[in-house]
Amino acid sequence: MAICLVCGDENGKGCICGTCAGKTDLEALAKRMIAYDLQNGDNPVWNNIIEDQLNKKSFRWLVFAVTSDLPAPRKDYLRVCAAASTYDNKCGVVKNSRPWLYEITGLDNFMKRKGPGGETGIMPSEKDSLLDSENLSGDERSYVAGLVLDALYKDYRYEEAELVLNYLKLFPELPFCPSVNMADYYIKTRRYDEAEKIIDKLRSQISCTDNDIEKSTVEKLEEDKEKYLKKKLQGKREYYPNPDENKDDMLKKYEDFISSIGVDIPDYYSFKKMIPDPIPRDQYPSPKEIRDTDFDSFVAFSLGTTGEDVNKDCIYEIDAVKVVSGVISGERYHTYVKPYKKGLEKVAESAGIPSDILKDSPQMWEMFNSFMDYAGDLVLVGYDVMRIGSKFLARAGRYANRIVNNLYFDLKRGALNASGEDRVPVSADDVAEMYLTLRNVESKDKEISMEDMFAEWE
């Protein structure tokens, strides 16, 4: 049985009974429902309805039924407000509702009138846009425009978002939510001075309120602005969107847009200059291992990585030394490598590498080319290299678009085969000396314990 939202009677015909229907201000009722405190409200009828809902916020959707008999502009505006009231701070709509928001607000018609080319004229049969409807007050129009601005930039529709932003700038004063939407959009497009001006006004607006949600919203804006501004001043990566699909295209679109509005993107973290298209994994040869110690010319190397997972971690340092005819030569190779995955700079810095050094270091694909030029076709000797090092170098080779056929000798496997014990070298020189000691042991064809071997090495 349906319960009348006005008197609480069970009428079975809808959310307003026949007795109440003729004497109820439907718009006023809808506004009260949108503003109702779902946790601490004092309307017993509504509280009973809310308790029966699996999700308390579902109560807001009853506004759609309440407004069904109102004329289109008012009905659509109230439904937009109801959708936004399910959002935490009422300044947006959930992702799945964005296409509906564009449709119900008449965004396409608004773009025809406000977009490039100026006024185009809308046929009388076409739907009006809520964004500039004469049937809405200035505050109502700006509220709708703020919601649309928020949705557009989160959907990576930056040019349209900019047109809505320029429209909002025509209003002499803005309510809380569109101000929040503008400040957030300015922050995400790296215009921190403009964001600060709006945040200053918002601070004044909330200074005399007890609304904790509004206060926390402004605090979050301030935190985001300070965080990204600090990154800019430190030469670190500022905000970038994080799309679930078509990431490369969406990030390039973002960079192209903010460049078009005069925001500079430093070359050292520009996405479009950062990551080349790699050779597909199934087309890149797997690392090949050699287990005989019948070679005395090789490159010993050691990698510093942010972890052991080649799909999530990356190289931040490589150290190598060339051995010729059993003699460690003076031909060394060393470089830091700039981590390119989000957040991994901190991991590398924890190893004691200054951020300004990492900032100017080559990317892994640049390192791979110079390292392989140095190594030539020599065997690459490393510790635990078949499990970790060779896989990281193969990944770097894919992104360098360079296929190499160097063999790997895994010092850990060789050492364990010798005695079953395990010692970890800490540098390329250690790797070289440990291999030469192991080779010498095997070439003498005698039994020797691993402890004796390390004693000789040390």
Protein backbone atom coordinates (compact mmCIF):
# COMPACT_ATOMS: atom_id res chain seq x y z
CA MET A 1 0.00 0.00 0.00
CA ALA A 2 1.22 3.49 -0.88
CA ILE A 3 1.38 6.05 1.90
CA CYS A 4 0.35 9.65 1.36
CA LEU A 5 3.35 11.91 1.90
CA VAL A 6 1.11 14.67 3.27
CA CYS A 7 -1.27 13.01 5.72
CA GLY A 8 0.18 9.53 6.07
CA ASP A 9 -2.96 7.67 5.01
CA GLU A 10 -2.59 4.44 3.07
CA ASN A 11 -4.45 5.14 -0.14
CA GLY A 12 -3.02 2.63 -2.57
CA LYS A 13 -3.09 5.07 -5.50
CA GLY A 14 0.14 7.03 -5.24
CA CYS A 15 2.30 9.12 -2.98
CA ILE A 16 -0.44 11.76 -2.41
CA CYS A 17 -4.01 10.78 -1.56
CA GLY A 18 -7.03 12.21 -3.34
CA THR A 19 -7.95 14.40 -0.38
CA CYS A 20 -4.53 16.05 -0.20
CA ALA A 21 -3.86 16.27 -3.93
CA GLY A 22 -6.07 19.28 -4.58
CA LYS A 23 -4.81 21.39 -1.69
CA THR A 24 -1.06 20.60 -1.67
CA ASP A 25 1.60 22.92 -3.07
CA LEU A 26 3.54 20.25 -4.95
CA GLU A 27 6.63 22.38 -5.51
CA ALA A 28 6.87 23.36 -1.85
CA LEU A 29 6.42 19.70 -0.89
CA ALA A 30 9.17 18.63 -3.28
CA LYS A 31 11.57 21.24 -1.87
CA ARG A 32 10.89 20.07 1.69
CA MET A 33 11.60 16.49 0.65
CA ILE A 34 14.86 17.49 -1.03
CA ALA A 35 16.02 19.37 2.08
CA TYR A 36 14.78 16.79 4.58
CA ASP A 37 17.31 15.45 7.08
CA LEU A 38 17.25 11.72 6.42
CA GLN A 39 18.98 10.91 9.71
CA ASN A 40 17.37 13.29 12.17
CA GLY A 41 14.18 14.54 10.52
CA ASP A 42 11.06 15.05 12.67
CA ASN A 43 8.32 14.02 10.21
CA PRO A 44 7.04 10.64 11.49
CA VAL A 45 5.31 9.79 8.19
CA TRP A 46 8.46 10.37 6.20
CA ASN A 47 10.62 8.62 8.76
CA ASN A 48 8.48 5.48 8.43
CA ILE A 49 8.86 5.60 4.65
CA ILE A 50 12.63 6.09 4.96
CA GLU A 51 12.95 3.16 7.36
CA ASP A 52 11.30 0.87 4.79
CA GLN A 53 13.89 1.83 2.14
CA LEU A 54 17.03 -0.28 1.67
CA ASN A 55 18.85 2.97 0.92
CA LYS A 56 17.67 6.03 2.85
CA LYS A 57 18.57 8.30 -0.07
CA SER A 58 15.91 6.54 -2.17
CA PHE A 59 13.40 8.80 -0.42
CA ARG A 60 14.65 11.65 -2.62
CA TRP A 61 13.51 9.87 -5.76
CA LEU A 62 9.89 10.18 -4.63
CA VAL A 63 10.27 13.81 -5.74
CA PHE A 64 9.97 12.52 -9.33
CA ALA A 65 6.47 11.24 -8.57
CA VAL A 66 5.47 14.35 -6.61
CA THR A 67 6.47 16.68 -9.45
CA SER A 68 4.93 14.70 -12.30
CA ASP A 69 2.05 17.20 -12.72
CA LEU A 70 4.18 20.36 -12.59
CA PRO A 71 5.06 22.25 -15.80
CA ALA A 72 8.32 21.17 -17.48
CA PRO A 73 10.83 23.83 -16.38
CA ARG A 74 9.89 23.65 -12.70
CA LYS A 75 9.46 19.87 -12.75
CA ASP A 76 12.84 19.31 -14.40
CA TYR A 77 14.63 21.71 -12.07
CA LEU A 78 13.25 20.02 -8.95
CA ARG A 79 14.18 16.61 -10.29
CA VAL A 80 17.73 17.81 -10.89
CA CYS A 81 17.83 19.07 -7.31
CA ALA A 82 16.54 15.70 -6.08
CA ALA A 83 19.28 13.86 -7.99
CA ALA A 84 21.94 16.20 -6.59
CA SER A 85 20.59 15.80 -3.05
CA THR A 86 21.75 12.16 -3.10
CA TYR A 87 25.34 13.43 -3.60
CA ASP A 88 27.35 13.95 -0.42
CA ASN A 89 27.52 17.76 -0.56
CA LYS A 90 24.64 18.28 -3.06
CA CYS A 91 27.12 19.86 -5.51
CA GLY A 92 27.13 17.05 -8.07
CA VAL A 93 25.38 14.00 -9.41
CA VAL A 94 26.65 10.43 -9.44
CA LYS A 95 28.47 9.22 -12.54
CA ASN A 96 25.61 7.10 -13.86
CA SER A 97 23.27 10.11 -13.74
CA ARG A 98 25.45 12.44 -15.84
CA PRO A 99 23.94 11.49 -19.24
CA TRP A 100 20.47 12.05 -17.77
CA LEU A 101 21.61 15.41 -16.38
CA TYR A 102 22.79 16.56 -19.82
CA GLU A 103 19.47 15.53 -21.35
CA ILE A 104 17.09 16.95 -18.75
CA THR A 105 18.94 20.29 -18.59
CA GLY A 106 18.88 20.67 -22.38
CA LEU A 107 22.66 20.96 -22.59
CA ASP A 108 22.74 20.47 -26.38
CA ASN A 109 20.41 23.42 -26.91
CA PHE A 110 22.46 25.55 -24.55
CA MET A 111 25.62 24.71 -26.47
CA LYS A 112 23.98 25.66 -29.74
CA ARG A 113 23.26 29.11 -28.37
CA LYS A 114 26.40 29.64 -26.30
CA GLY A 115 29.01 27.64 -28.19
CA PRO A 116 31.39 28.71 -30.97
CA GLY A 117 29.55 30.52 -33.72
CA GLY A 118 27.28 32.45 -31.38
CA GLU A 119 23.50 32.46 -31.44
CA THR A 120 22.12 29.93 -33.91
CA GLY A 121 18.42 30.13 -33.12
CA ILE A 122 16.43 27.26 -31.63
CA MET A 123 13.27 26.00 -33.25
CA PRO A 124 10.21 26.53 -30.99
CA SER A 125 9.63 22.78 -30.91
CA GLU A 126 13.04 22.14 -29.39
CA LYS A 127 13.34 21.81 -25.65
CA ASP A 128 14.53 24.84 -23.73
CA SER A 129 17.66 24.62 -21.59
CA LEU A 130 17.41 24.84 -17.82
CA LEU A 131 20.77 26.57 -17.75
CA ASP A 132 19.36 29.81 -19.15
CA SER A 133 15.60 29.30 -18.78
CA GLU A 134 13.59 32.42 -17.98
CA ASN A 135 11.36 30.24 -15.82
CA LEU A 136 14.14 29.78 -13.27
CA SER A 137 15.64 32.38 -10.96
CA GLY A 138 19.28 33.41 -11.26
CA ASP A 139 20.29 31.26 -8.30
CA GLU A 140 18.43 28.27 -9.76
CA ARG A 141 20.04 28.66 -13.17
CA SER A 142 23.50 28.99 -11.65
CA TYR A 143 22.93 25.92 -9.47
CA VAL A 144 22.06 23.84 -12.54
CA ALA A 145 25.02 25.27 -14.43
CA GLY A 146 27.34 24.33 -11.55
CA LEU A 147 26.13 20.73 -11.60
CA VAL A 148 26.65 20.56 -15.35
CA LEU A 149 30.13 22.07 -15.06
CA ASP A 150 31.09 19.44 -12.49
CA ALA A 151 29.75 16.61 -14.66
CA LEU A 152 31.37 17.84 -17.87
CA TYR A 153 34.90 18.11 -16.57
CA LYS A 154 34.62 14.72 -14.86
CA ASP A 155 33.52 13.30 -18.22
CA TYR A 156 36.59 14.95 -19.87
CA ARG A 157 34.43 17.34 -21.92
CA TYR A 158 36.65 20.31 -21.20
CA GLU A 159 35.70 22.66 -24.03
CA GLU A 160 32.02 22.44 -23.08
CA ALA A 161 32.90 22.83 -19.40
CA GLU A 162 34.77 26.02 -20.25
CA LEU A 163 31.69 27.45 -21.97
CA VAL A 164 29.58 26.71 -18.88
CA LEU A 165 32.28 28.27 -16.70
CA ASN A 166 32.18 31.46 -18.76
CA TYR A 167 28.40 31.50 -18.42
CA LEU A 168 28.67 31.21 -14.62
CA LYS A 169 31.09 34.12 -14.56
CA LEU A 170 28.26 36.34 -15.83
CA PHE A 171 26.39 36.01 -12.53
CA PRO A 172 27.27 38.83 -10.09
CA GLU A 173 26.85 36.53 -7.08
CA LEU A 174 26.76 32.75 -6.87
CA PRO A 175 25.26 30.41 -4.27
CA PHE A 176 27.41 27.90 -2.43
CA CYS A 177 27.33 24.91 -4.79
CA PRO A 178 28.16 26.61 -8.12
CA SER A 179 30.97 28.45 -6.31
CA VAL A 180 32.32 25.10 -5.13
CA ASN A 181 32.03 23.66 -8.64
CA MET A 182 33.92 26.60 -10.14
CA ALA A 183 36.69 26.47 -7.54
CA ASP A 184 37.10 22.72 -7.99
CA TYR A 185 37.23 23.08 -11.79
CA TYR A 186 39.84 25.84 -11.53
CA ILE A 187 41.98 23.64 -9.28
CA LYS A 188 41.72 20.66 -11.63
CA THR A 189 42.72 22.85 -14.56
CA ARG A 190 45.64 24.35 -12.57
CA ARG A 191 44.34 27.91 -12.25
CA TYR A 192 45.09 28.30 -8.57
CA ASP A 193 44.76 32.10 -8.33
CA GLU A 194 41.21 31.99 -9.67
CA ALA A 195 40.38 29.13 -7.30
CA GLU A 196 41.74 31.06 -4.32
CA LYS A 197 39.49 34.06 -5.04
CA ILE A 198 36.41 31.84 -4.93
CA ILE A 199 37.60 29.97 -1.85
CA ASP A 200 38.02 33.31 -0.06
CA LYS A 201 34.36 34.12 -0.73
CA LEU A 202 33.30 30.64 0.37
CA ARG A 203 35.15 31.10 3.66
CA SER A 204 33.05 34.20 4.30
CA GLN A 205 29.85 32.36 3.38
CA ILE A 206 30.45 29.51 5.83
CA SER A 207 31.82 31.65 8.66
CA CYS A 208 28.30 32.15 10.05
CA THR A 209 26.96 28.65 9.43
CA ASP A 210 26.85 25.45 11.43
CA ASN A 211 26.64 23.31 8.30
CA ASP A 212 29.44 20.79 8.77
CA ILE A 213 29.12 19.45 5.22
CA GLU A 214 29.68 22.89 3.72
CA LYS A 215 32.63 23.51 6.04
CA SER A 216 34.27 20.19 5.15
CA THR A 217 33.66 20.87 1.44
CA VAL A 218 35.52 24.18 1.61
CA GLU A 219 38.30 22.61 3.68
CA LYS A 220 38.73 19.93 0.99
CA LEU A 221 38.98 22.60 -1.71
CA GLU A 222 41.66 24.41 0.29
CA GLU A 223 43.59 21.19 0.84
CA ASP A 224 43.48 20.29 -2.86
CA LYS A 225 44.54 23.76 -3.93
CA GLU A 226 47.46 23.83 -1.50
CA LYS A 227 48.52 20.28 -2.42
CA TYR A 228 48.66 20.88 -6.17
CA LEU A 229 50.12 24.36 -5.84
CA LYS A 230 52.89 22.94 -3.66
CA LYS A 231 53.60 20.28 -6.28
CA LYS A 232 53.82 22.98 -8.93
CA LEU A 233 56.29 25.02 -6.89
CA GLN A 234 58.37 21.91 -6.21
CA GLY A 235 58.41 20.93 -9.87
CA LYS A 236 56.35 17.80 -9.22
CA ARG A 237 53.44 16.32 -11.11
CA GLU A 238 50.22 18.25 -10.52
CA TYR A 239 46.66 17.01 -10.98
CA TYR A 240 45.94 14.62 -13.83
CA PRO A 241 42.64 12.84 -14.48
CA ASN A 242 42.58 9.09 -13.94
CA PRO A 243 40.13 7.63 -16.46
CA ASP A 244 39.11 3.96 -16.38
CA GLU A 245 39.14 3.64 -20.17
CA ASN A 246 41.10 5.14 -23.10
CA LYS A 247 43.59 6.57 -20.64
CA ASP A 248 46.17 7.70 -23.20
CA ASP A 249 43.57 9.56 -25.29
CA MET A 250 41.92 11.17 -22.27
CA LEU A 251 45.20 12.38 -20.75
CA LYS A 252 46.35 13.81 -24.05
CA LYS A 253 42.97 15.52 -24.37
CA TYR A 254 43.45 17.03 -20.91
CA GLU A 255 46.93 18.28 -21.73
CA ASP A 256 45.82 19.75 -25.04
CA PHE A 257 43.00 21.59 -23.31
CA ILE A 258 44.98 23.13 -20.46
CA SER A 259 47.66 24.14 -22.97
CA SER A 260 44.94 25.87 -25.00
CA ILE A 261 43.96 28.01 -21.99
CA GLY A 262 47.56 29.08 -21.42
CA VAL A 263 48.62 26.65 -18.70
CA ASP A 264 52.17 25.37 -19.21
CA ILE A 265 52.94 21.68 -18.77
CA PRO A 266 56.58 21.05 -17.80
CA ASP A 267 58.25 18.72 -20.30
CA TYR A 268 59.58 16.40 -17.64
CA TYR A 269 56.15 15.10 -16.68
CA SER A 270 54.05 15.80 -19.75
CA PHE A 271 52.12 12.61 -20.41
CA LYS A 272 52.19 12.93 -24.17
CA LYS A 273 55.99 13.18 -24.04
CA MET A 274 56.37 10.61 -21.29
CA ILE A 275 55.34 7.16 -22.35
CA PRO A 276 56.00 5.77 -25.86
CA ASP A 277 53.92 3.00 -27.39
CA PRO A 278 55.60 -0.28 -26.35
CA ILE A 279 56.22 -3.43 -28.33
CA PRO A 280 53.36 -5.78 -27.34
CA ARG A 281 54.40 -8.19 -24.62
CA ASP A 282 53.65 -11.29 -26.71
CA GLN A 283 55.90 -9.98 -29.48
CA TYR A 284 58.93 -9.36 -27.27
CA PRO A 285 61.37 -12.27 -26.72
CA SER A 286 61.64 -13.75 -23.24
CA PRO A 287 65.01 -13.38 -21.48
CA LYS A 288 67.36 -16.33 -22.15
CA GLU A 289 69.61 -17.81 -19.50
CA ILE A 290 73.11 -19.31 -19.68
CA ARG A 291 74.29 -21.55 -16.85
CA ASP A 292 77.82 -22.44 -17.89
CA THR A 293 80.63 -20.30 -16.49
CA ASP A 294 82.84 -20.65 -19.57
CA PHE A 295 82.87 -16.89 -20.32
CA ASP A 296 85.15 -14.30 -18.76
CA SER A 297 83.95 -11.13 -20.50
CA PHE A 298 80.57 -9.81 -19.39
CA VAL A 299 78.64 -6.92 -17.85
CA ALA A 300 77.82 -7.21 -14.16
CA PHE A 301 74.86 -5.09 -13.13
CA SER A 302 72.63 -4.30 -10.19
CA LEU A 303 69.18 -2.69 -10.31
CA GLY A 304 67.41 -0.52 -7.76
CA THR A 305 63.65 -1.05 -8.11
CA THR A 306 60.60 0.15 -6.22
CA GLY A 307 59.53 -3.45 -5.67
CA GLU A 308 59.59 -6.86 -7.33
CA ASP A 309 56.35 -6.68 -9.36
CA VAL A 310 57.29 -5.70 -12.91
CA ASN A 311 53.67 -4.73 -13.64
CA LYS A 312 53.42 -2.28 -10.73
CA ASP A 313 56.98 -1.27 -9.88
CA CYS A 314 59.80 0.26 -11.86
CA ILE A 315 63.54 0.88 -11.94
CA TYR A 316 64.98 3.91 -10.18
CA GLU A 317 68.74 3.12 -10.44
CA ILE A 318 71.12 0.91 -12.41
CA ASP A 319 74.80 0.26 -11.67
CA ALA A 320 77.04 -1.76 -14.02
CA VAL A 321 80.69 -2.59 -14.62
CA LYS A 322 82.30 -4.27 -17.60
CA VAL A 323 84.60 -7.26 -17.15
CA VAL A 324 87.06 -8.06 -19.97
CA SER A 325 89.01 -11.34 -20.00
CA GLY A 326 88.39 -11.83 -16.31
CA VAL A 327 89.50 -8.33 -15.30
CA ILE A 328 87.16 -5.68 -13.94
CA SER A 329 87.72 -2.71 -16.24
CA GLY A 330 87.28 0.98 -15.66
CA GLU A 331 84.29 1.06 -18.02
CA ARG A 332 81.39 1.76 -15.69
CA TYR A 333 77.76 2.58 -16.26
CA HIS A 334 75.53 4.24 -13.67
CA THR A 335 72.40 6.30 -13.80
CA TYR A 336 69.33 7.07 -11.76
CA VAL A 337 66.05 6.43 -13.54
CA LYS A 338 62.99 8.60 -13.20
CA PRO A 339 60.00 6.56 -11.90
CA TYR A 340 57.06 7.19 -14.19
CA LYS A 341 54.22 5.55 -12.25
CA LYS A 342 52.00 7.48 -9.89
CA GLY A 343 53.35 7.79 -6.37
CA LEU A 344 56.52 5.83 -6.94
CA GLU A 345 58.75 8.89 -6.72
CA LYS A 346 58.25 8.73 -2.95
CA VAL A 347 59.42 5.13 -2.89
CA ALA A 348 62.58 6.01 -4.76
CA GLU A 349 63.19 9.03 -2.53
CA SER A 350 62.97 6.71 0.48
CA ALA A 351 66.15 5.10 -0.87
CA GLY A 352 67.94 8.41 -0.28
CA ILE A 353 67.76 9.87 -3.78
CA PRO A 354 66.96 13.61 -3.92
CA SER A 355 63.83 14.42 -5.91
CA ASP A 356 65.63 17.01 -8.06
CA ILE A 357 68.03 14.29 -9.24
CA LEU A 358 65.16 11.97 -10.15
CA LYS A 359 63.37 14.79 -11.93
CA ASP A 360 66.24 15.22 -14.39
CA SER A 361 67.05 11.50 -14.77
CA PRO A 362 66.24 9.52 -17.93
CA GLN A 363 63.11 7.42 -18.22
CA MET A 364 63.55 3.63 -18.23
CA TRP A 365 63.34 3.39 -22.03
CA GLU A 366 66.00 6.07 -22.40
CA MET A 367 68.17 4.25 -19.84
CA PHE A 368 67.69 0.95 -21.68
CA ASN A 369 69.04 2.33 -24.94
CA SER A 370 72.14 3.81 -23.36
CA PHE A 371 72.73 0.73 -21.19
CA MET A 372 72.50 -1.67 -24.12
CA ASP A 373 74.80 0.56 -26.16
CA TYR A 374 77.25 0.18 -23.29
CA ALA A 375 76.74 -3.61 -22.89
CA GLY A 376 76.83 -4.55 -26.55
CA ASP A 377 76.31 -8.31 -26.97
CA LEU A 378 78.05 -9.33 -23.74
CA VAL A 379 76.43 -11.67 -21.22
CA LEU A 380 74.54 -9.77 -18.51
CA VAL A 381 75.36 -11.09 -15.04
CA GLY A 382 73.11 -10.21 -12.11
CA TYR A 383 71.83 -11.54 -8.83
CA ASP A 384 68.36 -13.18 -8.99
CA VAL A 385 68.30 -11.77 -12.48
CA MET A 386 65.96 -14.30 -14.07
CA ARG A 387 63.26 -13.66 -11.48
CA ILE A 388 63.53 -9.88 -11.28
CA GLY A 389 66.21 -7.98 -13.20
CA SER A 390 65.75 -9.52 -16.65
CA LYS A 391 61.99 -8.90 -16.50
CA PHE A 392 62.44 -5.21 -15.63
CA LEU A 393 64.97 -4.80 -18.45
CA ALA A 394 62.63 -6.60 -20.87
CA ARG A 395 59.87 -4.17 -19.95
CA ALA A 396 62.23 -1.25 -20.51
CA GLY A 397 63.19 -2.78 -23.86
CA ARG A 398 59.56 -2.99 -24.92
CA TYR A 399 59.05 0.71 -24.21
CA ALA A 400 62.36 1.55 -25.90
CA ASN A 401 61.14 -0.39 -28.95
CA ARG A 402 64.45 -2.24 -29.00
CA ILE A 403 64.85 -6.01 -29.09
CA VAL A 404 68.14 -7.42 -27.78
CA ASN A 405 69.36 -11.02 -27.53
CA ASN A 406 71.88 -10.83 -24.69
CA LEU A 407 72.10 -13.91 -22.50
CA TYR A 408 71.69 -13.64 -18.72
CA PHE A 409 73.65 -15.44 -16.03
CA ASP A 410 71.79 -15.65 -12.73
CA LEU A 411 74.38 -15.43 -9.97
CA LYS A 412 71.87 -16.52 -7.34
CA ARG A 413 71.17 -19.77 -9.15
CA GLY A 414 74.85 -20.39 -9.73
CA ALA A 415 75.71 -19.74 -6.11
CA LEU A 416 72.92 -21.94 -4.82
CA ASN A 417 73.92 -24.71 -7.21
CA ALA A 418 77.42 -24.53 -5.77
CA SER A 419 76.49 -25.04 -2.11
CA GLY A 420 72.84 -24.37 -1.43
CA GLU A 421 73.66 -21.14 0.42
CA ASP A 422 72.71 -17.64 -0.56
CA ARG A 423 74.57 -14.33 -0.21
CA VAL A 424 73.40 -11.03 -1.69
CA PRO A 425 75.89 -8.76 -3.48
CA VAL A 426 75.25 -5.07 -2.96
CA SER A 427 76.87 -3.49 -6.05
CA ALA A 428 77.91 -4.23 -9.61
CA ASP A 429 81.50 -4.73 -8.42
CA ASP A 430 80.28 -7.29 -5.90
CA VAL A 431 78.38 -9.08 -8.66
CA ALA A 432 81.48 -9.15 -10.89
CA GLU A 433 83.81 -10.40 -8.17
CA MET A 434 81.31 -13.00 -6.98
CA TYR A 435 80.93 -14.39 -10.51
CA LEU A 436 84.70 -14.48 -11.07
CA THR A 437 85.15 -16.31 -7.78
CA LEU A 438 82.40 -18.78 -8.71
CA ARG A 439 83.95 -19.30 -12.15
CA ASN A 440 87.36 -19.85 -10.63
CA VAL A 441 85.89 -22.43 -8.26
CA GLU A 442 84.20 -24.33 -11.06
CA SER A 443 87.22 -24.11 -13.35
CA LYS A 444 89.41 -25.71 -10.64
CA ASP A 445 86.87 -28.54 -10.51
CA LYS A 446 87.08 -28.87 -6.72
CA GLU A 447 84.59 -28.92 -3.89
CA ILE A 448 84.51 -25.79 -1.77
CA SER A 449 81.94 -24.57 0.68
CA MET A 450 80.05 -21.35 0.06
CA GLU A 451 81.53 -19.90 3.22
CA ASP A 452 85.03 -20.57 1.91
CA MET A 453 84.09 -19.04 -1.42
CA PHE A 454 82.86 -15.86 0.24
CA ALA A 455 85.90 -15.76 2.43
CA GLU A 456 88.02 -15.82 -0.71
CA TRP A 457 85.80 -13.20 -2.34
CA GLU A 458 86.03 -10.90 0.69
